[in-house]
Amino acid sequence: LGDVTEYLNEYFKNEVYLITEDRPVKCNGLILAARSSIIKEMIRDSENIPAIEFSDDVPGLLECLRLLYGGFVVVGKENYRSIIKFGKIFQVQEMTDAVTRWVAEDL
């Protein structure tokens, strides 16, 4: 496993920061890249530790990250728009599809 980790660290950056007005959020680049082709390209194109900056505080950012990491989030009227927006911006189709289904069925 050590050889695989060294290879991944050499050719792909594990450490990624999502920057908001509040604070930087440290994330695992491999997980984010596996879920979003847009984030994958941002990480690959970066020469240093990648930092993805948001021009303003993104409501629901932590919820979106939880979804990218395979976690559970309760979708409701207060957060569905921000989750869909994040999914569209970063081309996370399963995130957008799941919330769109929720809107069609429950809203």
PDB file of N, CA and C in Angstrom:
ATOM      1  N   LEU A   1       0.822  -1.197   0.000  1.00  0.00           N
ATOM      2  CA  LEU A   1       0.000   0.000   0.000  1.00  0.00           C
ATOM      3  C   LEU A   1       0.866   1.261   0.000  1.00  0.00           C
ATOM      4  N   GLY A   2       2.050   1.166   0.598  1.00  0.00           N
ATOM      5  CA  GLY A   2       2.938   2.317   0.639  1.00  0.00           C
ATOM      6  C   GLY A   2       3.325   2.804  -0.742  1.00  0.00           C
ATOM      7  N   ASP A   3       3.598   1.875  -1.677  1.00  0.00           N
ATOM      8  CA  ASP A   3       3.972   2.254  -3.038  1.00  0.00           C
ATOM      9  C   ASP A   3       2.836   2.992  -3.747  1.00  0.00           C
ATOM     10  N   VAL A   4       1.621   2.524  -3.530  1.00  0.00           N
ATOM     11  CA  VAL A   4       0.465   3.164  -4.152  1.00  0.00           C
ATOM     12  C   VAL A   4       0.315   4.581  -3.607  1.00  0.00           C
ATOM     13  N   THR A   5       0.445   4.743  -2.300  1.00  0.00           N
ATOM     14  CA  THR A   5       0.318   6.063  -1.682  1.00  0.00           C
ATOM     15  C   THR A   5       1.388   7.004  -2.198  1.00  0.00           C
ATOM     16  N   GLU A   6       2.618   6.537  -2.300  1.00  0.00           N
ATOM     17  CA  GLU A   6       3.708   7.372  -2.826  1.00  0.00           C
ATOM     18  C   GLU A   6       3.416   7.782  -4.270  1.00  0.00           C
ATOM     19  N   TYR A   7       2.940   6.838  -5.069  1.00  0.00           N
ATOM     20  CA  TYR A   7       2.614   7.132  -6.469  1.00  0.00           C
ATOM     21  C   TYR A   7       1.525   8.203  -6.551  1.00  0.00           C
ATOM     22  N   LEU A   8       0.458   8.008  -5.777  1.00  0.00           N
ATOM     23  CA  LEU A   8      -0.642   8.965  -5.810  1.00  0.00           C
ATOM     24  C   LEU A   8      -0.190  10.345  -5.342  1.00  0.00           C
ATOM     25  N   ASN A   9       0.622  10.388  -4.296  1.00  0.00           N
ATOM     26  CA  ASN A   9       1.104  11.674  -3.801  1.00  0.00           C
ATOM     27  C   ASN A   9       2.025  12.354  -4.802  1.00  0.00           C
ATOM     28  N   GLU A  10       2.790  11.563  -5.547  1.00  0.00           N
ATOM     29  CA  GLU A  10       3.710  12.139  -6.528  1.00  0.00           C
ATOM     30  C   GLU A  10       2.964  12.692  -7.735  1.00  0.00           C
ATOM     31  N   TYR A  11       1.933  11.994  -8.197  1.00  0.00           N
ATOM     32  CA  TYR A  11       1.256  12.381  -9.428  1.00  0.00           C
ATOM     33  C   TYR A  11      -0.094  13.053  -9.233  1.00  0.00           C
ATOM     34  N   PHE A  12      -0.568  13.046  -7.996  1.00  0.00           N
ATOM     35  CA  PHE A  12      -1.862  13.667  -7.748  1.00  0.00           C
ATOM     36  C   PHE A  12      -1.873  14.245  -6.347  1.00  0.00           C
ATOM     37  N   LYS A  13      -2.386  15.439  -6.220  1.00  0.00           N
ATOM     38  CA  LYS A  13      -2.355  16.129  -4.930  1.00  0.00           C
ATOM     39  C   LYS A  13      -3.539  15.690  -4.068  1.00  0.00           C
ATOM     40  N   ASN A  14      -3.222  15.116  -2.911  1.00  0.00           N
ATOM     41  CA  ASN A  14      -4.265  14.666  -1.991  1.00  0.00           C
ATOM     42  C   ASN A  14      -4.918  15.823  -1.252  1.00  0.00           C
ATOM     43  N   GLU A  15      -4.158  16.847  -0.979  1.00  0.00           N
ATOM     44  CA  GLU A  15      -4.637  17.939  -0.139  1.00  0.00           C
ATOM     45  C   GLU A  15      -5.206  19.061  -1.000  1.00  0.00           C
ATOM     46  N   VAL A  16      -6.467  19.394  -0.744  1.00  0.00           N
ATOM     47  CA  VAL A  16      -7.163  20.441  -1.488  1.00  0.00           C
ATOM     48  C   VAL A  16      -7.890  21.312  -0.472  1.00  0.00           C
ATOM     49  N   TYR A  17      -7.948  22.605  -0.751  1.00  0.00           N
ATOM     50  CA  TYR A  17      -8.695  23.515   0.118  1.00  0.00           C
ATOM     51  C   TYR A  17      -9.811  24.177  -0.670  1.00  0.00           C
ATOM     52  N   LEU A  18     -10.995  24.163  -0.099  1.00  0.00           N
ATOM     53  CA  LEU A  18     -12.102  24.948  -0.635  1.00  0.00           C
ATOM     54  C   LEU A  18     -12.180  26.196   0.231  1.00  0.00           C
ATOM     55  N   ILE A  19     -12.057  27.348  -0.396  1.00  0.00           N
ATOM     56  CA  ILE A  19     -11.978  28.610   0.337  1.00  0.00           C
ATOM     57  C   ILE A  19     -13.314  29.346   0.237  1.00  0.00           C
ATOM     58  N   THR A  20     -13.854  29.700   1.389  1.00  0.00           N
ATOM     59  CA  THR A  20     -15.070  30.508   1.448  1.00  0.00           C
ATOM     60  C   THR A  20     -14.765  31.742   2.284  1.00  0.00           C
ATOM     61  N   GLU A  21     -15.733  32.617   2.433  1.00  0.00           N
ATOM     62  CA  GLU A  21     -15.537  33.802   3.278  1.00  0.00           C
ATOM     63  C   GLU A  21     -15.249  33.393   4.720  1.00  0.00           C
ATOM     64  N   ASP A  22     -15.899  32.342   5.162  1.00  0.00           N
ATOM     65  CA  ASP A  22     -15.748  31.904   6.552  1.00  0.00           C
ATOM     66  C   ASP A  22     -14.366  31.349   6.852  1.00  0.00           C
ATOM     67  N   ARG A  23     -13.967  30.345   6.070  1.00  0.00           N
ATOM     68  CA  ARG A  23     -12.713  29.653   6.382  1.00  0.00           C
ATOM     69  C   ARG A  23     -12.351  28.685   5.251  1.00  0.00           C
ATOM     70  N   PRO A  24     -11.081  28.302   5.209  1.00  0.00           N
ATOM     71  CA  PRO A  24     -10.711  27.249   4.261  1.00  0.00           C
ATOM     72  C   PRO A  24     -11.147  25.889   4.818  1.00  0.00           C
ATOM     73  N   VAL A  25     -11.610  25.033   3.923  1.00  0.00           N
ATOM     74  CA  VAL A  25     -12.018  23.689   4.315  1.00  0.00           C
ATOM     75  C   VAL A  25     -11.067  22.716   3.631  1.00  0.00           C
ATOM     76  N   LYS A  26     -10.306  21.972   4.441  1.00  0.00           N
ATOM     77  CA  LYS A  26      -9.352  21.003   3.900  1.00  0.00           C
ATOM     78  C   LYS A  26     -10.106  19.750   3.461  1.00  0.00           C
ATOM     79  N   CYS A  27      -9.820  19.291   2.228  1.00  0.00           N
ATOM     80  CA  CYS A  27     -10.500  18.136   1.659  1.00  0.00           C
ATOM     81  C   CYS A  27      -9.490  17.168   1.059  1.00  0.00           C
ATOM     82  N   ASN A  28      -9.941  15.980   0.760  1.00  0.00           N
ATOM     83  CA  ASN A  28      -9.118  14.980   0.103  1.00  0.00           C
ATOM     84  C   ASN A  28      -9.314  15.108  -1.405  1.00  0.00           C
ATOM     85  N   GLY A  29      -8.239  15.426  -2.109  1.00  0.00           N
ATOM     86  CA  GLY A  29      -8.311  15.648  -3.546  1.00  0.00           C
ATOM     87  C   GLY A  29      -8.730  14.420  -4.331  1.00  0.00           C
ATOM     88  N   LEU A  30      -8.339  13.240  -3.890  1.00  0.00           N
ATOM     89  CA  LEU A  30      -8.698  12.020  -4.609  1.00  0.00           C
ATOM     90  C   LEU A  30     -10.208  11.786  -4.570  1.00  0.00           C
ATOM     91  N   ILE A  31     -10.798  12.008  -3.411  1.00  0.00           N
ATOM     92  CA  ILE A  31     -12.245  11.816  -3.288  1.00  0.00           C
ATOM     93  C   ILE A  31     -12.989  12.840  -4.145  1.00  0.00           C
ATOM     94  N   LEU A  32     -12.586  14.106  -4.053  1.00  0.00           N
ATOM     95  CA  LEU A  32     -13.255  15.144  -4.840  1.00  0.00           C
ATOM     96  C   LEU A  32     -13.097  14.888  -6.335  1.00  0.00           C
ATOM     97  N   ALA A  33     -11.902  14.497  -6.756  1.00  0.00           N
ATOM     98  CA  ALA A  33     -11.641  14.252  -8.175  1.00  0.00           C
ATOM     99  C   ALA A  33     -12.434  13.062  -8.694  1.00  0.00           C
ATOM    100  N   ALA A  34     -12.635  12.060  -7.852  1.00  0.00           N
ATOM    101  CA  ALA A  34     -13.405  10.893  -8.269  1.00  0.00           C
ATOM    102  C   ALA A  34     -14.867  11.240  -8.499  1.00  0.00           C
ATOM    103  N   ARG A  35     -15.352  12.273  -7.831  1.00  0.00           N
ATOM    104  CA  ARG A  35     -16.766  12.642  -7.923  1.00  0.00           C
ATOM    105  C   ARG A  35     -17.036  13.760  -8.922  1.00  0.00           C
ATOM    106  N   SER A  36     -15.993  14.571  -9.257  1.00  0.00           N
ATOM    107  CA  SER A  36     -16.209  15.724 -10.129  1.00  0.00           C
ATOM    108  C   SER A  36     -15.064  15.885 -11.112  1.00  0.00           C
ATOM    109  N   SER A  37     -15.390  15.822 -12.399  1.00  0.00           N
ATOM    110  CA  SER A  37     -14.354  15.999 -13.419  1.00  0.00           C
ATOM    111  C   SER A  37     -13.820  17.434 -13.412  1.00  0.00           C
ATOM    112  N   ILE A  38     -14.649  18.394 -13.048  1.00  0.00           N
ATOM    113  CA  ILE A  38     -14.220  19.796 -12.985  1.00  0.00           C
ATOM    114  C   ILE A  38     -13.171  19.969 -11.880  1.00  0.00           C
ATOM    115  N   ILE A  39     -13.467  19.448 -10.706  1.00  0.00           N
ATOM    116  CA  ILE A  39     -12.512  19.545  -9.595  1.00  0.00           C
ATOM    117  C   ILE A  39     -11.242  18.775  -9.937  1.00  0.00           C
ATOM    118  N   LYS A  40     -11.382  17.642 -10.595  1.00  0.00           N
ATOM    119  CA  LYS A  40     -10.218  16.847 -11.002  1.00  0.00           C
ATOM    120  C   LYS A  40      -9.275  17.677 -11.875  1.00  0.00           C
ATOM    121  N   GLU A  41      -9.814  18.379 -12.847  1.00  0.00           N
ATOM    122  CA  GLU A  41      -8.985  19.220 -13.719  1.00  0.00           C
ATOM    123  C   GLU A  41      -8.363  20.380 -12.945  1.00  0.00           C
ATOM    124  N   MET A  42      -9.112  20.972 -12.026  1.00  0.00           N
ATOM    125  CA  MET A  42      -8.566  22.073 -11.221  1.00  0.00           C
ATOM    126  C   MET A  42      -7.365  21.591 -10.402  1.00  0.00           C
ATOM    127  N   ILE A  43      -7.472  20.398  -9.862  1.00  0.00           N
ATOM    128  CA  ILE A  43      -6.385  19.838  -9.057  1.00  0.00           C
ATOM    129  C   ILE A  43      -5.189  19.526  -9.937  1.00  0.00           C
ATOM    130  N   ARG A  44      -5.423  18.892 -11.063  1.00  0.00           N
ATOM    131  CA  ARG A  44      -4.321  18.536 -11.969  1.00  0.00           C
ATOM    132  C   ARG A  44      -3.584  19.759 -12.498  1.00  0.00           C
ATOM    133  N   ASP A  45      -4.336  20.832 -12.770  1.00  0.00           N
ATOM    134  CA  ASP A  45      -3.742  22.034 -13.347  1.00  0.00           C
ATOM    135  C   ASP A  45      -2.988  22.887 -12.336  1.00  0.00           C
ATOM    136  N   SER A  46      -3.165  22.609 -11.065  1.00  0.00           N
ATOM    137  CA  SER A  46      -2.539  23.422 -10.026  1.00  0.00           C
ATOM    138  C   SER A  46      -1.096  22.972  -9.798  1.00  0.00           C
ATOM    139  N   GLU A  47      -0.205  23.948  -9.637  1.00  0.00           N
ATOM    140  CA  GLU A  47       1.201  23.627  -9.392  1.00  0.00           C
ATOM    141  C   GLU A  47       1.482  23.420  -7.904  1.00  0.00           C
ATOM    142  N   ASN A  48       0.715  24.063  -7.049  1.00  0.00           N
ATOM    143  CA  ASN A  48       0.901  23.944  -5.603  1.00  0.00           C
ATOM    144  C   ASN A  48      -0.284  23.197  -5.008  1.00  0.00           C
ATOM    145  N   ILE A  49      -0.461  23.341  -3.716  1.00  0.00           N
ATOM    146  CA  ILE A  49      -1.639  22.759  -3.078  1.00  0.00           C
ATOM    147  C   ILE A  49      -2.855  23.479  -3.647  1.00  0.00           C
ATOM    148  N   PRO A  50      -3.751  22.744  -4.285  1.00  0.00           N
ATOM    149  CA  PRO A  50      -4.897  23.392  -4.923  1.00  0.00           C
ATOM    150  C   PRO A  50      -5.829  24.052  -3.913  1.00  0.00           C
ATOM    151  N   ALA A  51      -6.301  25.227  -4.280  1.00  0.00           N
ATOM    152  CA  ALA A  51      -7.304  25.937  -3.488  1.00  0.00           C
ATOM    153  C   ALA A  51      -8.391  26.396  -4.450  1.00  0.00           C
ATOM    154  N   ILE A  52      -9.600  25.936  -4.216  1.00  0.00           N
ATOM    155  CA  ILE A  52     -10.731  26.322  -5.039  1.00  0.00           C
ATOM    156  C   ILE A  52     -11.466  27.413  -4.283  1.00  0.00           C
ATOM    157  N   GLU A  53     -11.446  28.621  -4.831  1.00  0.00           N
ATOM    158  CA  GLU A  53     -12.031  29.764  -4.131  1.00  0.00           C
ATOM    159  C   GLU A  53     -13.445  30.041  -4.620  1.00  0.00           C
ATOM    160  N   PHE A  54     -14.296  30.362  -3.664  1.00  0.00           N
ATOM    161  CA  PHE A  54     -15.648  30.780  -3.959  1.00  0.00           C
ATOM    162  C   PHE A  54     -15.725  32.270  -3.700  1.00  0.00           C
ATOM    163  N   SER A  55     -16.275  33.041  -4.660  1.00  0.00           N
ATOM    164  CA  SER A  55     -16.281  34.496  -4.556  1.00  0.00           C
ATOM    165  C   SER A  55     -17.119  34.987  -3.381  1.00  0.00           C
ATOM    166  N   ASP A  56     -18.114  34.225  -3.005  1.00  0.00           N
ATOM    167  CA  ASP A  56     -18.893  34.576  -1.820  1.00  0.00           C
ATOM    168  C   ASP A  56     -19.162  33.293  -1.044  1.00  0.00           C
ATOM    169  N   ASP A  57     -19.650  33.444   0.160  1.00  0.00           N
ATOM    170  CA  ASP A  57     -19.934  32.288   0.982  1.00  0.00           C
ATOM    171  C   ASP A  57     -21.017  31.452   0.301  1.00  0.00           C
ATOM    172  N   VAL A  58     -20.743  30.192   0.097  1.00  0.00           N
ATOM    173  CA  VAL A  58     -21.684  29.313  -0.587  1.00  0.00           C
ATOM    174  C   VAL A  58     -22.560  28.628   0.448  1.00  0.00           C
ATOM    175  N   PRO A  59     -23.837  28.987   0.494  1.00  0.00           N
ATOM    176  CA  PRO A  59     -24.713  28.303   1.444  1.00  0.00           C
ATOM    177  C   PRO A  59     -24.777  26.826   1.081  1.00  0.00           C
ATOM    178  N   GLY A  60     -24.648  25.988   2.061  1.00  0.00           N
ATOM    179  CA  GLY A  60     -24.749  24.557   1.806  1.00  0.00           C
ATOM    180  C   GLY A  60     -23.461  23.909   1.341  1.00  0.00           C
ATOM    181  N   LEU A  61     -22.342  24.641   1.337  1.00  0.00           N
ATOM    182  CA  LEU A  61     -21.083  24.063   0.868  1.00  0.00           C
ATOM    183  C   LEU A  61     -20.707  22.827   1.671  1.00  0.00           C
ATOM    184  N   LEU A  62     -20.808  22.892   2.984  1.00  0.00           N
ATOM    185  CA  LEU A  62     -20.445  21.739   3.804  1.00  0.00           C
ATOM    186  C   LEU A  62     -21.379  20.561   3.538  1.00  0.00           C
ATOM    187  N   GLU A  63     -22.643  20.838   3.260  1.00  0.00           N
ATOM    188  CA  GLU A  63     -23.573  19.766   2.903  1.00  0.00           C
ATOM    189  C   GLU A  63     -23.166  19.117   1.581  1.00  0.00           C
ATOM    190  N   CYS A  64     -22.769  19.929   0.619  1.00  0.00           N
ATOM    191  CA  CYS A  64     -22.331  19.400  -0.672  1.00  0.00           C
ATOM    192  C   CYS A  64     -21.082  18.545  -0.505  1.00  0.00           C
ATOM    193  N   LEU A  65     -20.171  18.995   0.335  1.00  0.00           N
ATOM    194  CA  LEU A  65     -18.968  18.201   0.598  1.00  0.00           C
ATOM    195  C   LEU A  65     -19.330  16.874   1.251  1.00  0.00           C
ATOM    196  N   ARG A  66     -20.253  16.915   2.171  1.00  0.00           N
ATOM    197  CA  ARG A  66     -20.700  15.685   2.831  1.00  0.00           C
ATOM    198  C   ARG A  66     -21.241  14.709   1.784  1.00  0.00           C
ATOM    199  N   LEU A  67     -21.997  15.216   0.816  1.00  0.00           N
ATOM    200  CA  LEU A  67     -22.519  14.363  -0.253  1.00  0.00           C
ATOM    201  C   LEU A  67     -21.392  13.811  -1.125  1.00  0.00           C
ATOM    202  N   LEU A  68     -20.414  14.644  -1.441  1.00  0.00           N
ATOM    203  CA  LEU A  68     -19.284  14.180  -2.253  1.00  0.00           C
ATOM    204  C   LEU A  68     -18.504  13.074  -1.556  1.00  0.00           C
ATOM    205  N   TYR A  69     -18.461  13.143  -0.245  1.00  0.00           N
ATOM    206  CA  TYR A  69     -17.769  12.115   0.538  1.00  0.00           C
ATOM    207  C   TYR A  69     -18.648  10.895   0.800  1.00  0.00           C
ATOM    208  N   GLY A  70     -19.850  10.872   0.228  1.00  0.00           N
ATOM    209  CA  GLY A  70     -20.726   9.720   0.374  1.00  0.00           C
ATOM    210  C   GLY A  70     -21.621   9.770   1.592  1.00  0.00           C
ATOM    211  N   GLY A  71     -21.696  10.937   2.228  1.00  0.00           N
ATOM    212  CA  GLY A  71     -22.517  11.074   3.419  1.00  0.00           C
ATOM    213  C   GLY A  71     -23.969  11.365   3.101  1.00  0.00           C
ATOM    214  N   PHE A  72     -24.745  11.512   4.147  1.00  0.00           N
ATOM    215  CA  PHE A  72     -26.184  11.737   4.061  1.00  0.00           C
ATOM    216  C   PHE A  72     -26.498  13.185   4.404  1.00  0.00           C
ATOM    217  N   VAL A  73     -27.373  13.783   3.631  1.00  0.00           N
ATOM    218  CA  VAL A  73     -27.814  15.155   3.886  1.00  0.00           C
ATOM    219  C   VAL A  73     -29.335  15.198   3.732  1.00  0.00           C
ATOM    220  N   VAL A  74     -29.982  15.865   4.657  1.00  0.00           N
ATOM    221  CA  VAL A  74     -31.423  16.072   4.543  1.00  0.00           C
ATOM    222  C   VAL A  74     -31.650  17.239   3.585  1.00  0.00           C
ATOM    223  N   VAL A  75     -32.359  16.966   2.508  1.00  0.00           N
ATOM    224  CA  VAL A  75     -32.647  17.998   1.513  1.00  0.00           C
ATOM    225  C   VAL A  75     -33.981  18.645   1.874  1.00  0.00           C
ATOM    226  N   GLY A  76     -33.996  19.964   1.846  1.00  0.00           N
ATOM    227  CA  GLY A  76     -35.216  20.691   2.157  1.00  0.00           C
ATOM    228  C   GLY A  76     -35.299  21.978   1.359  1.00  0.00           C
ATOM    229  N   LYS A  77     -36.330  22.741   1.628  1.00  0.00           N
ATOM    230  CA  LYS A  77     -36.547  23.995   0.900  1.00  0.00           C
ATOM    231  C   LYS A  77     -35.405  24.979   1.090  1.00  0.00           C
ATOM    232  N   GLU A  78     -34.737  24.903   2.232  1.00  0.00           N
ATOM    233  CA  GLU A  78     -33.676  25.869   2.534  1.00  0.00           C
ATOM    234  C   GLU A  78     -32.332  25.542   1.865  1.00  0.00           C
ATOM    235  N   ASN A  79     -32.147  24.323   1.372  1.00  0.00           N
ATOM    236  CA  ASN A  79     -30.825  23.999   0.828  1.00  0.00           C
ATOM    237  C   ASN A  79     -30.822  23.383  -0.568  1.00  0.00           C
ATOM    238  N   TYR A  80     -31.978  23.046  -1.124  1.00  0.00           N
ATOM    239  CA  TYR A  80     -31.958  22.318  -2.395  1.00  0.00           C
ATOM    240  C   TYR A  80     -31.368  23.137  -3.540  1.00  0.00           C
ATOM    241  N   ARG A  81     -31.597  24.446  -3.561  1.00  0.00           N
ATOM    242  CA  ARG A  81     -31.057  25.267  -4.653  1.00  0.00           C
ATOM    243  C   ARG A  81     -29.529  25.294  -4.644  1.00  0.00           C
ATOM    244  N   SER A  82     -28.961  25.444  -3.464  1.00  0.00           N
ATOM    245  CA  SER A  82     -27.494  25.515  -3.395  1.00  0.00           C
ATOM    246  C   SER A  82     -26.857  24.171  -3.746  1.00  0.00           C
ATOM    247  N   ILE A  83     -27.511  23.073  -3.409  1.00  0.00           N
ATOM    248  CA  ILE A  83     -26.972  21.757  -3.755  1.00  0.00           C
ATOM    249  C   ILE A  83     -27.039  21.539  -5.266  1.00  0.00           C
ATOM    250  N   ILE A  84     -28.149  21.916  -5.875  1.00  0.00           N
ATOM    251  CA  ILE A  84     -28.262  21.793  -7.341  1.00  0.00           C
ATOM    252  C   ILE A  84     -27.231  22.682  -8.029  1.00  0.00           C
ATOM    253  N   LYS A  85     -27.069  23.910  -7.543  1.00  0.00           N
ATOM    254  CA  LYS A  85     -26.095  24.840  -8.142  1.00  0.00           C
ATOM    255  C   LYS A  85     -24.688  24.266  -8.056  1.00  0.00           C
ATOM    256  N   PHE A  86     -24.298  23.762  -6.891  1.00  0.00           N
ATOM    257  CA  PHE A  86     -22.982  23.155  -6.715  1.00  0.00           C
ATOM    258  C   PHE A  86     -22.816  21.979  -7.674  1.00  0.00           C
ATOM    259  N   GLY A  87     -23.835  21.128  -7.750  1.00  0.00           N
ATOM    260  CA  GLY A  87     -23.780  19.962  -8.635  1.00  0.00           C
ATOM    261  C   GLY A  87     -23.608  20.337 -10.089  1.00  0.00           C
ATOM    262  N   LYS A  88     -24.272  21.410 -10.511  1.00  0.00           N
ATOM    263  CA  LYS A  88     -24.151  21.851 -11.904  1.00  0.00           C
ATOM    264  C   LYS A  88     -22.786  22.483 -12.179  1.00  0.00           C
ATOM    265  N   ILE A  89     -22.330  23.336 -11.262  1.00  0.00           N
ATOM    266  CA  ILE A  89     -21.041  24.003 -11.458  1.00  0.00           C
ATOM    267  C   ILE A  89     -19.914  22.984 -11.561  1.00  0.00           C
ATOM    268  N   PHE A  90     -19.933  21.986 -10.680  1.00  0.00           N
ATOM    269  CA  PHE A  90     -18.831  21.026 -10.615  1.00  0.00           C
ATOM    270  C   PHE A  90     -19.162  19.704 -11.301  1.00  0.00           C
ATOM    271  N   GLN A  91     -20.233  19.685 -12.081  1.00  0.00           N
ATOM    272  CA  GLN A  91     -20.642  18.524 -12.871  1.00  0.00           C
ATOM    273  C   GLN A  91     -20.695  17.245 -12.037  1.00  0.00           C
ATOM    274  N   VAL A  92     -21.439  17.322 -10.945  1.00  0.00           N
ATOM    275  CA  VAL A  92     -21.690  16.152 -10.104  1.00  0.00           C
ATOM    276  C   VAL A  92     -23.126  15.734 -10.405  1.00  0.00           C
ATOM    277  N   GLN A  93     -23.268  14.986 -11.475  1.00  0.00           N
ATOM    278  CA  GLN A  93     -24.594  14.682 -12.014  1.00  0.00           C
ATOM    279  C   GLN A  93     -25.479  13.945 -11.018  1.00  0.00           C
ATOM    280  N   GLU A  94     -24.924  12.976 -10.293  1.00  0.00           N
ATOM    281  CA  GLU A  94     -25.762  12.222  -9.361  1.00  0.00           C
ATOM    282  C   GLU A  94     -26.309  13.110  -8.240  1.00  0.00           C
ATOM    283  N   MET A  95     -25.553  14.132  -7.855  1.00  0.00           N
ATOM    284  CA  MET A  95     -26.022  15.077  -6.836  1.00  0.00           C
ATOM    285  C   MET A  95     -27.188  15.895  -7.392  1.00  0.00           C
ATOM    286  N   THR A  96     -27.013  16.426  -8.586  1.00  0.00           N
ATOM    287  CA  THR A  96     -28.063  17.220  -9.220  1.00  0.00           C
ATOM    288  C   THR A  96     -29.305  16.375  -9.468  1.00  0.00           C
ATOM    289  N   ASP A  97     -29.126  15.158  -9.962  1.00  0.00           N
ATOM    290  CA  ASP A  97     -30.265  14.281 -10.250  1.00  0.00           C
ATOM    291  C   ASP A  97     -31.049  13.935  -8.991  1.00  0.00           C
ATOM    292  N   ALA A  98     -30.343  13.606  -7.916  1.00  0.00           N
ATOM    293  CA  ALA A  98     -31.011  13.221  -6.672  1.00  0.00           C
ATOM    294  C   ALA A  98     -31.854  14.366  -6.117  1.00  0.00           C
ATOM    295  N   VAL A  99     -31.310  15.564  -6.136  1.00  0.00           N
ATOM    296  CA  VAL A  99     -32.050  16.705  -5.590  1.00  0.00           C
ATOM    297  C   VAL A  99     -33.193  17.101  -6.534  1.00  0.00           C
ATOM    298  N   THR A 100     -32.983  17.000  -7.825  1.00  0.00           N
ATOM    299  CA  THR A 100     -34.045  17.291  -8.785  1.00  0.00           C
ATOM    300  C   THR A 100     -35.214  16.325  -8.598  1.00  0.00           C
ATOM    301  N   ARG A 101     -34.910  15.041  -8.347  1.00  0.00           N
ATOM    302  CA  ARG A 101     -35.979  14.073  -8.059  1.00  0.00           C
ATOM    303  C   ARG A 101     -36.741  14.463  -6.790  1.00  0.00           C
ATOM    304  N   TRP A 102     -35.997  14.908  -5.770  1.00  0.00           N
ATOM    305  CA  TRP A 102     -36.637  15.323  -4.526  1.00  0.00           C
ATOM    306  C   TRP A 102     -37.591  16.496  -4.793  1.00  0.00           C
ATOM    307  N   VAL A 103     -37.132  17.465  -5.591  1.00  0.00           N
ATOM    308  CA  VAL A 103     -37.969  18.622  -5.907  1.00  0.00           C
ATOM    309  C   VAL A 103     -39.238  18.161  -6.614  1.00  0.00           C
ATOM    310  N   ALA A 104     -39.118  17.270  -7.583  1.00  0.00           N
ATOM    311  CA  ALA A 104     -40.269  16.794  -8.355  1.00  0.00           C
ATOM    312  C   ALA A 104     -41.257  16.036  -7.471  1.00  0.00           C
ATOM    313  N   GLU A 105     -40.756  15.285  -6.509  1.00  0.00           N
ATOM    314  CA  GLU A 105     -41.623  14.444  -5.685  1.00  0.00           C
ATOM    315  C   GLU A 105     -42.162  15.157  -4.449  1.00  0.00           C
ATOM    316  N   ASP A 106     -41.378  16.031  -3.839  1.00  0.00           N
ATOM    317  CA  ASP A 106     -41.731  16.548  -2.520  1.00  0.00           C
ATOM    318  C   ASP A 106     -42.011  18.044  -2.434  1.00  0.00           C
ATOM    319  N   LEU A 107     -41.749  18.774  -3.473  1.00  0.00           N
ATOM    320  CA  LEU A 107     -41.946  20.224  -3.369  1.00  0.00           C
ATOM    321  C   LEU A 107     -43.260  20.645  -3.963  1.00  0.00           C
TER     322      LEU A 107
END
